[in-house]
Structures are given as C-alpha cells and as structure tokens.
Amino acid sequence: MPAPASQTSGVGAGLSFTGFQLQAGNGSSPETFTTICNVSDFTMPLKAETADVTNAGDLWRRRISTLLDMGTIKFKIFYMPKEATHQNSTSGVIRGLRLLMINQTLVNFKAIYPDQAVASTDYFAAYVTGFNETGKVGDVFTADIELSNNGAPTLQ
C-alpha cells in the first residue's frame, strides 16, 4: 500500500490547549453553562470494551467490540476554596464541583476546543466522582477531578 501524500491534516498540524474551556451546566431550563476556573490538564478517554470470542480451534485470539465508554474523564484545577466553580456550595446559578460530588448530581458538561474557525464542542453528561486536593510546600493547591459519564458524548 503506498504511503499517503501528506501526513498533515488539512484542518491543521495541531491544536494548542491554550484557550480550552470546560463548562458545567446549572440544570435550569434553559440551561446556562459556566466555565470551570483554573483547569490545567484534561483527559477524556473514549474506549470500546470487547468480549473474547476465541474458539478452541483458533490459533489467534478473537474479540468483538461491545459497549462504548468514556472511561473516567479527568482534569486538574489550581484549587481555590472560595471560587464559585470549585466550592462546596451554590453561588447564584453556579454550583461548585465539590457540591456536585457531595450531592451526586448528574451534570451536563461542555468541552470547548480552541479551534476558532469551527468551534468544536463535546457535550456529555457526567457525575463528579472524585475531588482530590493536594498541597505541597513551595507549590500551589491543586485538585484532581474525576467525572463518570452517563451516556454518549456528542461532538459538534
């Protein structure tokens, strides 16, 4: 098979993380989304589980794809205890991440990519299932946040 003429996407060679926004909905109708402050890292794994369908006479293992899953969505924040999007309470229409976890609230999220020309956005519903604070001498407080999805993401 011949190699493709170009190894670079026609859309662009890469996408900078600078300008990325993760937003949480407030659950109202119509829903309002607020950008979660101080996000520094973001991981959204999409994966397919498989079932082993290898027969006794097979020399090679065989699998079929079954359920699709977003896995555990993870991001890190520079933690500010009184920041409205981080705190353990509601500030106006903004619900803090700690509050969402404690109340086990299903939330609509938007991951907005910084590709200005097309404004790609992933929409997904998830629970906040982890809020792990860390502080070190000579550093800042951070929190590792984990989300567990409920259903399929939609990329628009």
C-alpha atoms as a PDB file:
ATOM      1  CA  MET A   1       0.000   0.000   0.000  1.00  0.00           C
ATOM      2  CA  PRO A   2       1.546   3.376  -0.955  1.00  0.00           C
ATOM      3  CA  ALA A   3       2.105   5.990   1.744  1.00  0.00           C
ATOM      4  CA  PRO A   4      -0.296   8.946   1.734  1.00  0.00           C
ATOM      5  CA  ALA A   5       0.957  12.088   0.007  1.00  0.00           C
ATOM      6  CA  SER A   6       0.735  14.154   3.194  1.00  0.00           C
ATOM      7  CA  GLN A   7       0.977  13.254   6.886  1.00  0.00           C
ATOM      8  CA  THR A   8      -0.582  16.560   7.973  1.00  0.00           C
ATOM      9  CA  SER A   9      -4.296  17.107   8.417  1.00  0.00           C
ATOM     10  CA  GLY A  10      -5.947  19.512   6.010  1.00  0.00           C
ATOM     11  CA  VAL A  11      -7.520  21.175   9.063  1.00  0.00           C
ATOM     12  CA  GLY A  12      -4.155  21.898  10.687  1.00  0.00           C
ATOM     13  CA  ALA A  13      -0.987  20.384  12.105  1.00  0.00           C
ATOM     14  CA  GLY A  14      -2.105  20.525  15.739  1.00  0.00           C
ATOM     15  CA  LEU A  15      -4.344  22.269  18.241  1.00  0.00           C
ATOM     16  CA  SER A  16      -2.968  24.223  21.196  1.00  0.00           C
ATOM     17  CA  PHE A  17      -4.510  23.533  24.609  1.00  0.00           C
ATOM     18  CA  THR A  18      -4.419  27.285  25.286  1.00  0.00           C
ATOM     19  CA  GLY A  19      -7.987  28.575  25.150  1.00  0.00           C
ATOM     20  CA  PHE A  20      -9.649  25.236  26.037  1.00  0.00           C
ATOM     21  CA  GLN A  21     -12.722  25.603  28.256  1.00  0.00           C
ATOM     22  CA  LEU A  22     -14.569  23.054  30.357  1.00  0.00           C
ATOM     23  CA  GLN A  23     -18.040  24.221  31.312  1.00  0.00           C
ATOM     24  CA  ALA A  24     -20.700  22.846  33.672  1.00  0.00           C
ATOM     25  CA  GLY A  25     -24.430  23.395  33.245  1.00  0.00           C
ATOM     26  CA  ASN A  26     -26.658  24.698  36.015  1.00  0.00           C
ATOM     27  CA  GLY A  27     -29.560  22.280  35.428  1.00  0.00           C
ATOM     28  CA  SER A  28     -32.049  25.080  34.699  1.00  0.00           C
ATOM     29  CA  SER A  29     -34.266  25.405  31.656  1.00  0.00           C
ATOM     30  CA  PRO A  30     -32.893  26.933  29.513  1.00  0.00           C
ATOM     31  CA  GLU A  31     -29.549  25.678  30.802  1.00  0.00           C
ATOM     32  CA  THR A  32     -26.717  28.112  31.422  1.00  0.00           C
ATOM     33  CA  PHE A  33     -23.095  26.924  31.279  1.00  0.00           C
ATOM     34  CA  THR A  34     -20.240  28.351  33.368  1.00  0.00           C
ATOM     35  CA  THR A  35     -16.536  27.863  32.647  1.00  0.00           C
ATOM     36  CA  ILE A  36     -14.760  25.925  35.396  1.00  0.00           C
ATOM     37  CA  CYS A  37     -11.893  28.137  36.534  1.00  0.00           C
ATOM     38  CA  ASN A  38      -8.207  27.213  36.590  1.00  0.00           C
ATOM     39  CA  VAL A  39      -8.310  23.973  34.549  1.00  0.00           C
ATOM     40  CA  SER A  40      -4.736  22.909  33.758  1.00  0.00           C
ATOM     41  CA  ASP A  41      -4.926  19.327  32.402  1.00  0.00           C
ATOM     42  CA  PHE A  42      -7.744  17.415  30.702  1.00  0.00           C
ATOM     43  CA  THR A  43      -8.148  13.755  29.728  1.00  0.00           C
ATOM     44  CA  MET A  44     -11.279  12.327  28.103  1.00  0.00           C
ATOM     45  CA  PRO A  45     -10.699   8.690  27.129  1.00  0.00           C
ATOM     46  CA  LEU A  46     -13.067   7.113  24.642  1.00  0.00           C
ATOM     47  CA  LYS A  47     -12.847   3.343  24.577  1.00  0.00           C
ATOM     48  CA  ALA A  48     -14.679   0.243  23.444  1.00  0.00           C
ATOM     49  CA  GLU A  49     -14.969  -2.819  25.654  1.00  0.00           C
ATOM     50  CA  THR A  50     -14.591  -6.169  23.995  1.00  0.00           C
ATOM     51  CA  ALA A  51     -15.807  -9.717  24.503  1.00  0.00           C
ATOM     52  CA  ASP A  52     -13.488 -12.655  23.860  1.00  0.00           C
ATOM     53  CA  VAL A  53     -14.997 -14.932  21.191  1.00  0.00           C
ATOM     54  CA  THR A  54     -11.957 -17.182  20.668  1.00  0.00           C
ATOM     55  CA  ASN A  55     -12.862 -20.734  19.670  1.00  0.00           C
ATOM     56  CA  ALA A  56     -10.975 -23.819  20.859  1.00  0.00           C
ATOM     57  CA  GLY A  57      -9.525 -24.339  17.358  1.00  0.00           C
ATOM     58  CA  ASP A  58      -8.307 -20.736  16.933  1.00  0.00           C
ATOM     59  CA  LEU A  59      -4.585 -20.033  16.973  1.00  0.00           C
ATOM     60  CA  TRP A  60      -5.153 -16.284  17.434  1.00  0.00           C
ATOM     61  CA  ARG A  61      -7.451 -14.638  19.997  1.00  0.00           C
ATOM     62  CA  ARG A  62     -10.635 -13.106  18.545  1.00  0.00           C
ATOM     63  CA  ARG A  63     -12.733 -10.314  20.030  1.00  0.00           C
ATOM     64  CA  ILE A  64     -15.839  -8.341  19.192  1.00  0.00           C
ATOM     65  CA  SER A  65     -16.466  -4.778  20.242  1.00  0.00           C
ATOM     66  CA  THR A  66     -19.331  -4.387  22.732  1.00  0.00           C
ATOM     67  CA  LEU A  67     -20.022  -1.342  24.932  1.00  0.00           C
ATOM     68  CA  LEU A  68     -18.586   2.106  24.267  1.00  0.00           C
ATOM     69  CA  ASP A  69     -17.417   4.096  27.266  1.00  0.00           C
ATOM     70  CA  MET A  70     -15.857   7.460  28.015  1.00  0.00           C
ATOM     71  CA  GLY A  71     -13.944   5.904  30.889  1.00  0.00           C
ATOM     72  CA  THR A  72     -13.062   8.311  33.678  1.00  0.00           C
ATOM     73  CA  ILE A  73     -12.786  11.898  32.498  1.00  0.00           C
ATOM     74  CA  LYS A  74     -10.016  13.589  34.478  1.00  0.00           C
ATOM     75  CA  PHE A  75      -8.838  17.146  34.848  1.00  0.00           C
ATOM     76  CA  LYS A  76      -6.737  19.148  37.243  1.00  0.00           C
ATOM     77  CA  ILE A  77      -7.531  22.555  38.669  1.00  0.00           C
ATOM     78  CA  PHE A  78      -5.496  25.097  40.572  1.00  0.00           C
ATOM     79  CA  TYR A  79      -7.772  24.875  43.623  1.00  0.00           C
ATOM     80  CA  MET A  80      -9.304  27.969  45.201  1.00  0.00           C
ATOM     81  CA  PRO A  81     -11.684  27.004  48.062  1.00  0.00           C
ATOM     82  CA  LYS A  82     -13.964  30.052  47.631  1.00  0.00           C
ATOM     83  CA  GLU A  83     -14.018  30.002  43.794  1.00  0.00           C
ATOM     84  CA  ALA A  84     -17.683  29.552  42.769  1.00  0.00           C
ATOM     85  CA  THR A  85     -16.948  26.703  40.346  1.00  0.00           C
ATOM     86  CA  HIS A  86     -14.812  24.833  42.933  1.00  0.00           C
ATOM     87  CA  GLN A  87     -16.611  25.303  46.236  1.00  0.00           C
ATOM     88  CA  ASN A  88     -18.926  23.201  48.354  1.00  0.00           C
ATOM     89  CA  SER A  89     -21.984  25.403  47.756  1.00  0.00           C
ATOM     90  CA  THR A  90     -24.019  27.308  45.204  1.00  0.00           C
ATOM     91  CA  SER A  91     -23.132  30.882  44.266  1.00  0.00           C
ATOM     92  CA  GLY A  92     -26.006  32.401  42.306  1.00  0.00           C
ATOM     93  CA  VAL A  93     -26.661  29.918  39.483  1.00  0.00           C
ATOM     94  CA  ILE A  94     -23.163  28.351  39.724  1.00  0.00           C
ATOM     95  CA  ARG A  95     -22.821  25.039  41.536  1.00  0.00           C
ATOM     96  CA  GLY A  96     -19.315  24.178  42.796  1.00  0.00           C
ATOM     97  CA  LEU A  97     -17.593  20.908  41.849  1.00  0.00           C
ATOM     98  CA  ARG A  98     -17.394  19.736  45.480  1.00  0.00           C
ATOM     99  CA  LEU A  99     -21.125  20.358  45.925  1.00  0.00           C
ATOM    100  CA  LEU A 100     -21.918  18.431  42.730  1.00  0.00           C
ATOM    101  CA  MET A 101     -19.922  15.466  44.021  1.00  0.00           C
ATOM    102  CA  ILE A 102     -21.415  15.501  47.514  1.00  0.00           C
ATOM    103  CA  ASN A 103     -24.977  15.794  46.142  1.00  0.00           C
ATOM    104  CA  GLN A 104     -24.304  13.133  43.458  1.00  0.00           C
ATOM    105  CA  THR A 105     -25.740  15.427  40.795  1.00  0.00           C
ATOM    106  CA  LEU A 106     -25.802  14.460  37.120  1.00  0.00           C
ATOM    107  CA  VAL A 107     -24.450  17.475  35.231  1.00  0.00           C
ATOM    108  CA  ASN A 108     -24.259  18.454  31.568  1.00  0.00           C
ATOM    109  CA  PHE A 109     -20.724  19.441  30.584  1.00  0.00           C
ATOM    110  CA  LYS A 110     -19.210  21.107  27.530  1.00  0.00           C
ATOM    111  CA  ALA A 111     -15.589  20.704  26.468  1.00  0.00           C
ATOM    112  CA  ILE A 112     -14.939  23.630  24.117  1.00  0.00           C
ATOM    113  CA  TYR A 113     -11.853  23.268  21.947  1.00  0.00           C
ATOM    114  CA  PRO A 114      -9.877  26.349  20.876  1.00  0.00           C
ATOM    115  CA  ASP A 115     -10.235  25.762  17.127  1.00  0.00           C
ATOM    116  CA  GLN A 116     -11.692  29.214  16.499  1.00  0.00           C
ATOM    117  CA  ALA A 117     -12.802  28.628  12.910  1.00  0.00           C
ATOM    118  CA  VAL A 118     -15.087  25.677  13.699  1.00  0.00           C
ATOM    119  CA  ALA A 119     -15.682  25.943  17.489  1.00  0.00           C
ATOM    120  CA  SER A 120     -15.704  22.186  18.164  1.00  0.00           C
ATOM    121  CA  THR A 121     -17.576  21.267  21.338  1.00  0.00           C
ATOM    122  CA  ASP A 122     -18.034  17.916  23.083  1.00  0.00           C
ATOM    123  CA  TYR A 123     -21.284  17.684  25.061  1.00  0.00           C
ATOM    124  CA  PHE A 124     -21.637  14.985  27.726  1.00  0.00           C
ATOM    125  CA  ALA A 125     -23.478  14.232  30.964  1.00  0.00           C
ATOM    126  CA  ALA A 126     -21.463  13.068  33.962  1.00  0.00           C
ATOM    127  CA  TYR A 127     -21.246  12.825  37.728  1.00  0.00           C
ATOM    128  CA  VAL A 128     -18.356  14.352  39.681  1.00  0.00           C
ATOM    129  CA  THR A 129     -16.961  11.183  41.273  1.00  0.00           C
ATOM    130  CA  GLY A 130     -13.605  12.390  42.559  1.00  0.00           C
ATOM    131  CA  PHE A 131     -12.233  15.582  44.112  1.00  0.00           C
ATOM    132  CA  ASN A 132      -8.700  15.010  45.398  1.00  0.00           C
ATOM    133  CA  GLU A 133      -6.926  18.047  46.853  1.00  0.00           C
ATOM    134  CA  THR A 134      -3.143  18.262  47.010  1.00  0.00           C
ATOM    135  CA  GLY A 135      -0.876  20.860  48.555  1.00  0.00           C
ATOM    136  CA  LYS A 136       2.924  20.934  48.752  1.00  0.00           C
ATOM    137  CA  VAL A 137       5.436  23.287  50.330  1.00  0.00           C
ATOM    138  CA  GLY A 138       6.714  25.676  47.671  1.00  0.00           C
ATOM    139  CA  ASP A 139       3.785  24.929  45.345  1.00  0.00           C
ATOM    140  CA  VAL A 140       0.073  25.740  44.990  1.00  0.00           C
ATOM    141  CA  PHE A 141      -3.035  23.795  45.946  1.00  0.00           C
ATOM    142  CA  THR A 142      -4.407  21.648  43.161  1.00  0.00           C
ATOM    143  CA  ALA A 143      -7.300  19.227  42.898  1.00  0.00           C
ATOM    144  CA  ASP A 144      -7.594  16.202  40.641  1.00  0.00           C
ATOM    145  CA  ILE A 145     -11.207  15.962  39.482  1.00  0.00           C
ATOM    146  CA  GLU A 146     -12.812  12.806  38.118  1.00  0.00           C
ATOM    147  CA  LEU A 147     -16.051  12.626  36.169  1.00  0.00           C
ATOM    148  CA  SER A 148     -18.003   9.466  35.319  1.00  0.00           C
ATOM    149  CA  ASN A 149     -20.085   9.799  32.203  1.00  0.00           C
ATOM    150  CA  ASN A 150     -23.711   8.833  31.701  1.00  0.00           C
ATOM    151  CA  GLY A 151     -24.368   8.073  28.031  1.00  0.00           C
ATOM    152  CA  ALA A 152     -22.723   9.098  24.793  1.00  0.00           C
ATOM    153  CA  PRO A 153     -20.764  12.292  24.149  1.00  0.00           C
ATOM    154  CA  THR A 154     -21.776  14.442  21.190  1.00  0.00           C
ATOM    155  CA  LEU A 155     -19.117  16.302  19.222  1.00  0.00           C
ATOM    156  CA  GLN A 156     -20.428  19.294  17.318  1.00  0.00           C
END
